[in-house]
Amino acid sequence: MKEGFRLTSSAFGNQKNIPRDYTCEGGDVSPPLAWSGTPYGTKSFALIVDDPDAPDPDKPQRTWVHWVLYNIPAGASALQEGLTISHDGAIAGTNDWKRQGYGGPCPPIGKHRYFHKLYALDVVLPNLGRVTKRELEQAMAGHVLAEAELVGLYQKGQGAQ
């Protein structure tokens, strides 16, 4: 959407392997994320991490949601590694394991893509509680100023160390 709005990680590059520490084979902690080029008028950010290759990249059947986080403060420019359920007012939604917070890559077969999507919003959303991805997308409709994306890759037994 807005050119210049970028999402990066010091742990992995775009279209590169996600280190094992951030997966079910490691510590299953959230990776560090940073962004730049925040558009004027941003009041908050929302983050959705999902895998469109579930369960098998050769025969995907659904998109698996790994993390839903919203009301990240407008002044923020990063999320630290190992983020817990809430941080500086941000609220974690429900992932597809029916848990709040981050759930790392854990593909049953093949190499999957993990889309980290950061949205700059022109509002601070009301407290939606343990919102799902779909509910958050509905709440964000009409309020997205820009979207930045970082794609990580992971296959069990082959993650970067």
C-alpha atoms as a PDB file:
ATOM      1  CA  MET A   1       0.000   0.000   0.000  1.00  0.00           C
ATOM      2  CA  LYS A   2       2.328   2.807   1.160  1.00  0.00           C
ATOM      3  CA  GLU A   3       5.782   2.657  -0.300  1.00  0.00           C
ATOM      4  CA  GLY A   4       8.497   2.983   2.297  1.00  0.00           C
ATOM      5  CA  PHE A   5       6.596   1.255   5.099  1.00  0.00           C
ATOM      6  CA  ARG A   6       8.845  -1.744   5.816  1.00  0.00           C
ATOM      7  CA  LEU A   7       8.820  -4.656   8.242  1.00  0.00           C
ATOM      8  CA  THR A   8      12.070  -6.466   9.038  1.00  0.00           C
ATOM      9  CA  SER A   9      13.543  -8.890  11.555  1.00  0.00           C
ATOM     10  CA  SER A  10      17.105  -9.122  12.831  1.00  0.00           C
ATOM     11  CA  ALA A  11      16.512 -12.904  13.082  1.00  0.00           C
ATOM     12  CA  PHE A  12      15.673 -13.634   9.412  1.00  0.00           C
ATOM     13  CA  GLY A  13      15.365 -11.896   6.076  1.00  0.00           C
ATOM     14  CA  ASN A  14      12.434 -11.763   3.695  1.00  0.00           C
ATOM     15  CA  GLN A  15      11.922 -15.152   2.004  1.00  0.00           C
ATOM     16  CA  LYS A  16      14.638 -16.654   4.276  1.00  0.00           C
ATOM     17  CA  ASN A  17      14.474 -19.448   6.864  1.00  0.00           C
ATOM     18  CA  ILE A  18      13.098 -18.651  10.298  1.00  0.00           C
ATOM     19  CA  PRO A  19      15.559 -19.778  12.993  1.00  0.00           C
ATOM     20  CA  ARG A  20      14.511 -22.793  15.022  1.00  0.00           C
ATOM     21  CA  ASP A  21      14.311 -20.732  18.252  1.00  0.00           C
ATOM     22  CA  TYR A  22      11.086 -19.163  16.971  1.00  0.00           C
ATOM     23  CA  THR A  23       9.406 -22.493  16.128  1.00  0.00           C
ATOM     24  CA  CYS A  24       7.840 -25.481  17.879  1.00  0.00           C
ATOM     25  CA  GLU A  25      11.190 -27.251  17.529  1.00  0.00           C
ATOM     26  CA  GLY A  26      12.919 -24.519  19.523  1.00  0.00           C
ATOM     27  CA  GLY A  27      11.801 -22.078  22.185  1.00  0.00           C
ATOM     28  CA  ASP A  28       8.569 -21.178  20.352  1.00  0.00           C
ATOM     29  CA  VAL A  29       9.145 -17.502  21.171  1.00  0.00           C
ATOM     30  CA  SER A  30       8.143 -14.616  18.957  1.00  0.00           C
ATOM     31  CA  PRO A  31      10.901 -13.203  16.730  1.00  0.00           C
ATOM     32  CA  PRO A  32      12.123  -9.627  16.994  1.00  0.00           C
ATOM     33  CA  LEU A  33      10.367  -7.385  14.478  1.00  0.00           C
ATOM     34  CA  ALA A  34      11.082  -3.776  13.521  1.00  0.00           C
ATOM     35  CA  TRP A  35       9.490  -1.336  11.119  1.00  0.00           C
ATOM     36  CA  SER A  36      10.172   1.994   9.495  1.00  0.00           C
ATOM     37  CA  GLY A  37       8.397   4.443   7.234  1.00  0.00           C
ATOM     38  CA  THR A  38       5.320   4.743   9.452  1.00  0.00           C
ATOM     39  CA  PRO A  39       2.717   6.754   7.547  1.00  0.00           C
ATOM     40  CA  TYR A  40       1.487  10.100   8.825  1.00  0.00           C
ATOM     41  CA  GLY A  41      -1.724   9.780  10.832  1.00  0.00           C
ATOM     42  CA  THR A  42      -0.950   6.358  12.297  1.00  0.00           C
ATOM     43  CA  LYS A  43      -2.747   5.921  15.642  1.00  0.00           C
ATOM     44  CA  SER A  44      -1.900   2.234  16.223  1.00  0.00           C
ATOM     45  CA  PHE A  45      -0.579  -0.907  14.561  1.00  0.00           C
ATOM     46  CA  ALA A  46      -1.932  -4.425  14.199  1.00  0.00           C
ATOM     47  CA  LEU A  47       0.029  -7.578  13.394  1.00  0.00           C
ATOM     48  CA  ILE A  48      -1.174 -10.834  11.866  1.00  0.00           C
ATOM     49  CA  VAL A  49       1.133 -13.796  11.282  1.00  0.00           C
ATOM     50  CA  ASP A  50      -0.272 -16.655   9.236  1.00  0.00           C
ATOM     51  CA  ASP A  51       0.649 -19.630   7.062  1.00  0.00           C
ATOM     52  CA  PRO A  52      -1.342 -20.077   3.827  1.00  0.00           C
ATOM     53  CA  ASP A  53       0.316 -23.450   3.134  1.00  0.00           C
ATOM     54  CA  ALA A  54      -1.414 -25.571   5.791  1.00  0.00           C
ATOM     55  CA  PRO A  55      -1.280 -28.457   6.110  1.00  0.00           C
ATOM     56  CA  ASP A  56       0.768 -29.317   2.979  1.00  0.00           C
ATOM     57  CA  PRO A  57       2.280 -26.674   0.665  1.00  0.00           C
ATOM     58  CA  ASP A  58       1.585 -28.935  -2.326  1.00  0.00           C
ATOM     59  CA  LYS A  59      -2.096 -29.177  -1.356  1.00  0.00           C
ATOM     60  CA  PRO A  60      -2.937 -26.211   0.893  1.00  0.00           C
ATOM     61  CA  GLN A  61      -6.355 -26.433   2.519  1.00  0.00           C
ATOM     62  CA  ARG A  62      -6.418 -23.435   4.820  1.00  0.00           C
ATOM     63  CA  THR A  63      -4.518 -20.507   6.241  1.00  0.00           C
ATOM     64  CA  TRP A  64      -3.257 -21.228   9.765  1.00  0.00           C
ATOM     65  CA  VAL A  65      -3.105 -18.187  12.064  1.00  0.00           C
ATOM     66  CA  HIS A  66      -0.042 -18.009  14.324  1.00  0.00           C
ATOM     67  CA  TRP A  67      -0.376 -14.579  15.940  1.00  0.00           C
ATOM     68  CA  VAL A  68      -2.906 -11.772  16.211  1.00  0.00           C
ATOM     69  CA  LEU A  69      -1.821  -8.586  17.993  1.00  0.00           C
ATOM     70  CA  TYR A  70      -3.484  -5.173  17.901  1.00  0.00           C
ATOM     71  CA  ASN A  71      -3.378  -1.708  19.473  1.00  0.00           C
ATOM     72  CA  ILE A  72       0.393  -1.675  19.262  1.00  0.00           C
ATOM     73  CA  PRO A  73       1.158   1.966  20.164  1.00  0.00           C
ATOM     74  CA  ALA A  74       1.686   4.409  17.292  1.00  0.00           C
ATOM     75  CA  GLY A  75       5.054   5.462  18.723  1.00  0.00           C
ATOM     76  CA  ALA A  76       6.428   1.925  18.613  1.00  0.00           C
ATOM     77  CA  SER A  77       8.891   0.889  15.919  1.00  0.00           C
ATOM     78  CA  ALA A  78       9.679  -2.647  17.092  1.00  0.00           C
ATOM     79  CA  LEU A  79       8.500  -5.713  18.961  1.00  0.00           C
ATOM     80  CA  GLN A  80      11.111  -7.448  21.067  1.00  0.00           C
ATOM     81  CA  GLU A  81      11.905 -11.137  20.878  1.00  0.00           C
ATOM     82  CA  GLY A  82       9.850 -13.353  23.164  1.00  0.00           C
ATOM     83  CA  LEU A  83       6.926 -10.967  23.479  1.00  0.00           C
ATOM     84  CA  THR A  84       4.353 -12.114  25.997  1.00  0.00           C
ATOM     85  CA  ILE A  85       0.596 -11.856  25.632  1.00  0.00           C
ATOM     86  CA  SER A  86       0.461  -8.083  26.062  1.00  0.00           C
ATOM     87  CA  HIS A  87       3.053  -5.357  25.721  1.00  0.00           C
ATOM     88  CA  ASP A  88       2.762  -1.582  26.162  1.00  0.00           C
ATOM     89  CA  GLY A  89      -1.015  -1.671  25.740  1.00  0.00           C
ATOM     90  CA  ALA A  90      -1.037  -4.040  22.764  1.00  0.00           C
ATOM     91  CA  ILE A  91      -3.653  -6.779  22.993  1.00  0.00           C
ATOM     92  CA  ALA A  92      -3.135 -10.351  21.781  1.00  0.00           C
ATOM     93  CA  GLY A  93      -5.919 -12.061  19.924  1.00  0.00           C
ATOM     94  CA  THR A  94      -6.529 -15.783  19.512  1.00  0.00           C
ATOM     95  CA  ASN A  95      -4.433 -17.931  17.179  1.00  0.00           C
ATOM     96  CA  ASP A  96      -5.604 -21.153  15.515  1.00  0.00           C
ATOM     97  CA  TRP A  97      -4.403 -23.218  18.483  1.00  0.00           C
ATOM     98  CA  LYS A  98      -7.166 -21.342  20.369  1.00  0.00           C
ATOM     99  CA  ARG A  99      -4.483 -19.674  22.497  1.00  0.00           C
ATOM    100  CA  GLN A 100      -3.691 -16.056  23.062  1.00  0.00           C
ATOM    101  CA  GLY A 101      -0.303 -14.864  21.837  1.00  0.00           C
ATOM    102  CA  TYR A 102       2.355 -16.221  19.515  1.00  0.00           C
ATOM    103  CA  GLY A 103       2.521 -19.796  18.251  1.00  0.00           C
ATOM    104  CA  GLY A 104       5.584 -20.496  16.137  1.00  0.00           C
ATOM    105  CA  PRO A 105       5.939 -22.407  12.886  1.00  0.00           C
ATOM    106  CA  CYS A 106       5.260 -26.135  13.247  1.00  0.00           C
ATOM    107  CA  PRO A 107       4.473 -27.447   9.761  1.00  0.00           C
ATOM    108  CA  PRO A 108       3.438 -31.097   9.535  1.00  0.00           C
ATOM    109  CA  ILE A 109       4.995 -31.531   6.062  1.00  0.00           C
ATOM    110  CA  GLY A 110       7.079 -29.495   3.632  1.00  0.00           C
ATOM    111  CA  LYS A 111       8.432 -25.957   3.649  1.00  0.00           C
ATOM    112  CA  HIS A 112       5.808 -23.379   4.602  1.00  0.00           C
ATOM    113  CA  ARG A 113       5.645 -19.600   4.199  1.00  0.00           C
ATOM    114  CA  TYR A 114       4.893 -17.467   7.236  1.00  0.00           C
ATOM    115  CA  PHE A 115       3.478 -14.043   6.400  1.00  0.00           C
ATOM    116  CA  HIS A 116       4.140 -11.372   9.049  1.00  0.00           C
ATOM    117  CA  LYS A 117       1.751  -8.542   8.144  1.00  0.00           C
ATOM    118  CA  LEU A 118       1.911  -5.226   9.967  1.00  0.00           C
ATOM    119  CA  TYR A 119      -0.906  -2.734   9.476  1.00  0.00           C
ATOM    120  CA  ALA A 120      -0.700   0.986  10.239  1.00  0.00           C
ATOM    121  CA  LEU A 121      -4.160   2.096  11.373  1.00  0.00           C
ATOM    122  CA  ASP A 122      -5.759   5.529  11.619  1.00  0.00           C
ATOM    123  CA  VAL A 123      -7.528   4.536  14.874  1.00  0.00           C
ATOM    124  CA  VAL A 124      -6.911   2.862  18.190  1.00  0.00           C
ATOM    125  CA  LEU A 125      -9.354  -0.023  18.153  1.00  0.00           C
ATOM    126  CA  PRO A 126     -11.690  -0.682  21.064  1.00  0.00           C
ATOM    127  CA  ASN A 127     -10.723  -3.593  23.282  1.00  0.00           C
ATOM    128  CA  LEU A 128     -11.950  -6.518  21.210  1.00  0.00           C
ATOM    129  CA  GLY A 129     -10.651  -9.075  23.697  1.00  0.00           C
ATOM    130  CA  ARG A 130      -9.331 -12.372  22.356  1.00  0.00           C
ATOM    131  CA  VAL A 131     -10.252 -11.474  18.797  1.00  0.00           C
ATOM    132  CA  THR A 132      -9.639 -13.843  15.864  1.00  0.00           C
ATOM    133  CA  LYS A 133      -7.869 -12.835  12.648  1.00  0.00           C
ATOM    134  CA  ARG A 134     -11.183 -12.532  10.828  1.00  0.00           C
ATOM    135  CA  GLU A 135     -12.711 -10.364  13.573  1.00  0.00           C
ATOM    136  CA  LEU A 136      -9.637  -8.124  13.639  1.00  0.00           C
ATOM    137  CA  GLU A 137      -9.699  -7.745   9.855  1.00  0.00           C
ATOM    138  CA  GLN A 138     -13.372  -6.706  10.096  1.00  0.00           C
ATOM    139  CA  ALA A 139     -12.560  -4.157  12.822  1.00  0.00           C
ATOM    140  CA  MET A 140      -9.651  -2.746  10.757  1.00  0.00           C
ATOM    141  CA  ALA A 141     -11.708  -2.377   7.565  1.00  0.00           C
ATOM    142  CA  GLY A 142     -11.533   1.198   6.312  1.00  0.00           C
ATOM    143  CA  HIS A 143      -8.785   2.125   8.804  1.00  0.00           C
ATOM    144  CA  VAL A 144      -5.636   0.694   7.163  1.00  0.00           C
ATOM    145  CA  LEU A 145      -3.223   3.437   6.103  1.00  0.00           C
ATOM    146  CA  ALA A 146      -0.477   1.037   5.019  1.00  0.00           C
ATOM    147  CA  GLU A 147       0.611  -2.603   5.202  1.00  0.00           C
ATOM    148  CA  ALA A 148       4.145  -3.975   5.468  1.00  0.00           C
ATOM    149  CA  GLU A 149       4.979  -7.641   5.011  1.00  0.00           C
ATOM    150  CA  LEU A 150       7.835  -9.970   5.895  1.00  0.00           C
ATOM    151  CA  VAL A 151       7.750 -13.606   4.758  1.00  0.00           C
ATOM    152  CA  GLY A 152       9.750 -16.251   6.608  1.00  0.00           C
ATOM    153  CA  LEU A 153      10.168 -19.887   5.590  1.00  0.00           C
ATOM    154  CA  TYR A 154      10.295 -23.004   7.736  1.00  0.00           C
ATOM    155  CA  GLN A 155      10.434 -26.772   7.314  1.00  0.00           C
ATOM    156  CA  LYS A 156      10.755 -29.074  10.316  1.00  0.00           C
ATOM    157  CA  GLY A 157      14.265 -30.334  10.780  1.00  0.00           C
ATOM    158  CA  GLN A 158      15.692 -27.785   8.354  1.00  0.00           C
ATOM    159  CA  GLY A 159      15.346 -24.461  10.175  1.00  0.00           C
ATOM    160  CA  ALA A 160      18.305 -22.134  10.511  1.00  0.00           C
ATOM    161  CA  GLN A 161      20.094 -22.689  13.791  1.00  0.00           C
END
